[in-house]
Each structure stands twice: as C-alpha cells, then as structure tokens.
Amino acid sequence: MPVFEREVRVAAPLSEVWEFHSTGDGLVALTPDWMHLRIEETRGPDGDPDPEVLDAGSVVVSSIRPFGVGPRQRWVSEIVAREEDDGEAMFRDVMTEGPFPEWEHTHRFRADGEDATVVRDHVEYELPGGPLGRAVGPLGFLGMEPMFRYRHRETKALLER
C-alpha cells in the first residue's frame, strides 16, 4: 500500500498543538476552502454527540465537494488510537466510508524543546479504481502534497506566536 509522509516544526508547545488537533474544529481550520468540507456529525466513543475531544472510538461524519464540482462525497472517519506520553502524542484515524478504498492517517506530535513541536503525518492509502488505482497509487503524493503543505502552513499560522 502506498505511503505519504510529511512533517513540519511548529513554534508552539506540544500541549497547544495537541489540543488544537484533538477537536473537529481543528480539522475544519486545516481544510482548504476549495474542499468545501462540511462536518455533518461527530460522536464520542460512547455515542454522545459533539464530544469536546476526539478520543479513540470517536466518529467524524463529514462530506467534501472538491472545487464545488460534482456531488458531495461522504467521508466517515473513526479515531482508532489516541495516546499521550511524556513529550509525545499521537492519534490515528481510519476512513470507514469514503472515496478511498483504504485510508489510515497517523498524526504524531513530538516536543522539540519547551516551545516547539514536530508534527508528522503518515498516511497509508489506496486510490480508487481497482487495479488501475493500485498501479498509479505511488503517484497519489501529487494530490496529497499540496493538501498537507496547506495543513502544515495553516497549523503554523494559527499556532505560532
């Protein structure tokens, strides 16, 4: 399965970067307007609506309409892991319904001194299209690189002082 990775150093403490990425609001803030993201529903692991923190077992139901073209595409993600340790944190979400046959996104955060954090995205994915999608899968980075470059630029803009 193809893998995409990208990291950025943010001049903000781990606690702030981690908190920002722990909510649906963080997802909205880091998605470019041209994706036309709409969060339809969030549920905590106990099924309660709109949890303050997206813990393991939480589900985010969203839809996108890239460039405002075509029908909205449903994207359902489940947070399958969430860990926080001394100087490190991570969470992993898996797409359970959406445009990709496979999508697993691991978000890692590591303190870099007291006032900085390294954010690392690791995505394992399979493009749609069956055998053709698998054949061109390694080229998926061409679409992911601009998206994650935007996400990292926005993370810095929103969290750096």
Protein backbone atom coordinates (compact mmCIF):
# COMPACT_ATOMS: atom_id res chain seq x y z
CA MET A 1 0.00 0.00 0.00
CA PRO A 2 1.41 3.46 -0.85
CA VAL A 3 2.54 5.73 1.98
CA PHE A 4 2.65 9.52 2.16
CA GLU A 5 4.63 11.29 4.89
CA ARG A 6 5.23 14.93 5.69
CA GLU A 7 6.37 16.81 8.77
CA VAL A 8 6.65 20.36 9.97
CA ARG A 9 8.14 22.09 13.00
CA VAL A 10 5.72 24.45 14.74
CA ALA A 11 6.98 27.10 17.15
CA ALA A 12 4.34 26.28 19.78
CA PRO A 13 4.33 23.95 22.80
CA LEU A 14 3.22 20.35 22.36
CA SER A 15 0.24 20.88 24.69
CA GLU A 16 -1.21 23.62 22.44
CA VAL A 17 -0.58 21.78 19.18
CA TRP A 18 -2.05 18.56 20.61
CA GLU A 19 -5.14 20.31 21.97
CA PHE A 20 -5.76 22.05 18.63
CA HIS A 21 -5.64 18.73 16.73
CA SER A 22 -7.93 16.97 19.23
CA THR A 23 -11.19 18.54 18.05
CA GLY A 24 -13.37 18.73 14.97
CA ASP A 25 -12.72 22.48 14.88
CA GLY A 26 -9.05 21.76 14.22
CA LEU A 27 -10.00 19.61 11.23
CA VAL A 28 -12.16 22.37 9.78
CA ALA A 29 -9.46 25.01 10.31
CA LEU A 30 -6.88 22.89 8.46
CA THR A 31 -9.00 22.02 5.42
CA PRO A 32 -8.73 24.37 2.44
CA ASP A 33 -11.90 26.23 1.44
CA TRP A 34 -11.80 24.65 -2.03
CA MET A 35 -12.61 21.27 -0.43
CA HIS A 36 -15.96 22.64 0.79
CA LEU A 37 -15.76 20.49 3.93
CA ARG A 38 -18.90 20.10 5.99
CA ILE A 39 -18.86 18.28 9.34
CA GLU A 40 -22.21 16.51 9.41
CA GLU A 41 -21.84 14.79 12.78
CA THR A 42 -19.33 13.89 15.48
CA ARG A 43 -19.90 11.17 18.06
CA GLY A 44 -17.78 10.28 21.05
CA PRO A 45 -16.87 6.67 21.84
CA ASP A 46 -19.99 6.41 24.00
CA GLY A 47 -22.20 7.68 21.15
CA ASP A 48 -22.71 11.13 22.68
CA PRO A 49 -22.88 13.90 20.06
CA ASP A 50 -20.23 16.62 19.70
CA PRO A 51 -17.53 15.44 22.12
CA GLU A 52 -15.05 18.06 23.32
CA VAL A 53 -12.13 15.76 22.47
CA LEU A 54 -11.97 13.15 19.72
CA ASP A 55 -10.89 10.15 21.79
CA ALA A 56 -10.34 6.63 20.45
CA GLY A 57 -13.72 5.33 19.34
CA SER A 58 -14.98 8.76 18.21
CA VAL A 59 -16.50 9.04 14.75
CA VAL A 60 -16.49 12.06 12.45
CA VAL A 61 -19.01 12.11 9.60
CA SER A 62 -18.19 14.75 7.02
CA SER A 63 -18.65 15.50 3.37
CA ILE A 64 -16.48 17.21 0.80
CA ARG A 65 -17.12 18.67 -2.62
CA PRO A 66 -13.70 19.48 -4.09
CA PHE A 67 -13.71 22.70 -6.11
CA GLY A 68 -17.53 22.79 -5.77
CA VAL A 69 -17.82 20.27 -8.60
CA GLY A 70 -19.95 17.14 -8.63
CA PRO A 71 -21.94 15.62 -5.79
CA ARG A 72 -20.77 15.81 -2.18
CA GLN A 73 -18.59 12.86 -1.16
CA ARG A 74 -19.27 11.34 2.24
CA TRP A 75 -16.21 10.70 4.42
CA VAL A 76 -16.59 8.81 7.70
CA SER A 77 -13.53 8.51 9.94
CA GLU A 78 -13.08 6.67 13.20
CA ILE A 79 -10.36 7.54 15.68
CA VAL A 80 -8.90 4.09 16.33
CA ALA A 81 -5.98 5.07 18.58
CA ARG A 82 -5.06 8.02 20.77
CA GLU A 83 -2.02 8.11 23.04
CA GLU A 84 -0.27 10.78 25.02
CA ASP A 85 3.05 10.31 26.75
CA ASP A 86 5.84 12.49 28.09
CA GLY A 87 6.84 14.73 25.18
CA GLU A 88 4.88 12.77 22.57
CA ALA A 89 1.33 12.24 21.42
CA MET A 90 -0.43 10.56 18.53
CA PHE A 91 -3.79 9.66 17.15
CA ARG A 92 -4.81 7.52 14.21
CA ASP A 93 -7.95 7.76 12.15
CA VAL A 94 -9.25 5.25 9.63
CA MET A 95 -11.70 6.10 6.87
CA THR A 96 -14.59 3.66 7.21
CA GLU A 97 -16.61 5.17 4.35
CA GLY A 98 -15.49 7.50 1.60
CA PRO A 99 -13.69 7.96 -1.69
CA PHE A 100 -10.61 5.82 -0.88
CA PRO A 101 -10.78 2.02 -0.59
CA GLU A 102 -8.14 2.30 2.18
CA TRP A 103 -7.07 5.31 4.26
CA GLU A 104 -5.23 5.25 7.57
CA HIS A 105 -3.79 8.54 8.84
CA THR A 106 -1.42 8.62 11.82
CA HIS A 107 -0.81 12.06 13.33
CA ARG A 108 2.32 12.23 15.53
CA PHE A 109 3.40 15.12 17.72
CA ARG A 110 6.79 15.37 19.42
CA ALA A 111 8.01 18.15 21.67
CA ASP A 112 11.11 19.83 20.28
CA GLY A 113 12.31 21.68 23.35
CA GLU A 114 9.81 23.53 25.50
CA ASP A 115 8.35 25.82 22.87
CA ALA A 116 8.20 23.82 19.65
CA THR A 117 6.52 20.71 18.28
CA VAL A 118 7.27 18.48 15.32
CA VAL A 119 4.05 17.40 13.60
CA ARG A 120 4.34 14.31 11.40
CA ASP A 121 1.61 12.95 9.15
CA HIS A 122 1.82 9.35 7.93
CA VAL A 123 -0.91 8.21 5.53
CA GLU A 124 -1.31 4.70 4.16
CA TYR A 125 -3.83 4.69 1.34
CA GLU A 126 -5.19 3.00 -1.74
CA LEU A 127 -6.54 5.08 -4.59
CA PRO A 128 -9.95 4.28 -6.09
CA GLY A 129 -10.14 2.49 -9.43
CA GLY A 130 -9.22 -1.08 -8.53
CA PRO A 131 -6.17 -2.40 -10.41
CA LEU A 132 -5.59 0.96 -12.14
CA GLY A 133 -5.75 2.81 -8.80
CA ARG A 134 -3.26 0.38 -7.31
CA ALA A 135 -0.94 0.80 -10.30
CA VAL A 136 -0.83 4.59 -10.00
CA GLY A 137 -1.09 4.62 -6.18
CA PRO A 138 2.51 5.77 -5.65
CA LEU A 139 1.63 8.92 -7.62
CA GLY A 140 -1.01 9.82 -5.00
CA PHE A 141 1.54 12.08 -3.34
CA LEU A 142 0.94 14.55 -6.21
CA GLY A 143 -2.52 15.24 -4.78
CA MET A 144 -1.60 14.87 -1.12
CA GLU A 145 1.46 17.10 -1.06
CA PRO A 146 -0.45 20.37 -1.72
CA MET A 147 -3.15 19.40 0.81
CA PHE A 148 -0.67 18.64 3.59
CA ARG A 149 1.50 21.62 2.70
CA TYR A 150 -1.62 23.75 3.24
CA ARG A 151 -2.43 21.96 6.52
CA HIS A 152 1.07 22.49 7.86
CA ARG A 153 1.19 26.14 6.76
CA GLU A 154 -2.15 26.76 8.49
CA THR A 155 -1.00 24.94 11.65
CA LYS A 156 1.98 27.27 11.84
CA ALA A 157 -0.11 30.37 11.08
CA LEU A 158 -2.73 29.54 13.70
CA LEU A 159 -0.44 28.33 16.50
CA GLU A 160 2.84 30.21 16.22
CA ARG A 161 3.10 33.45 18.11
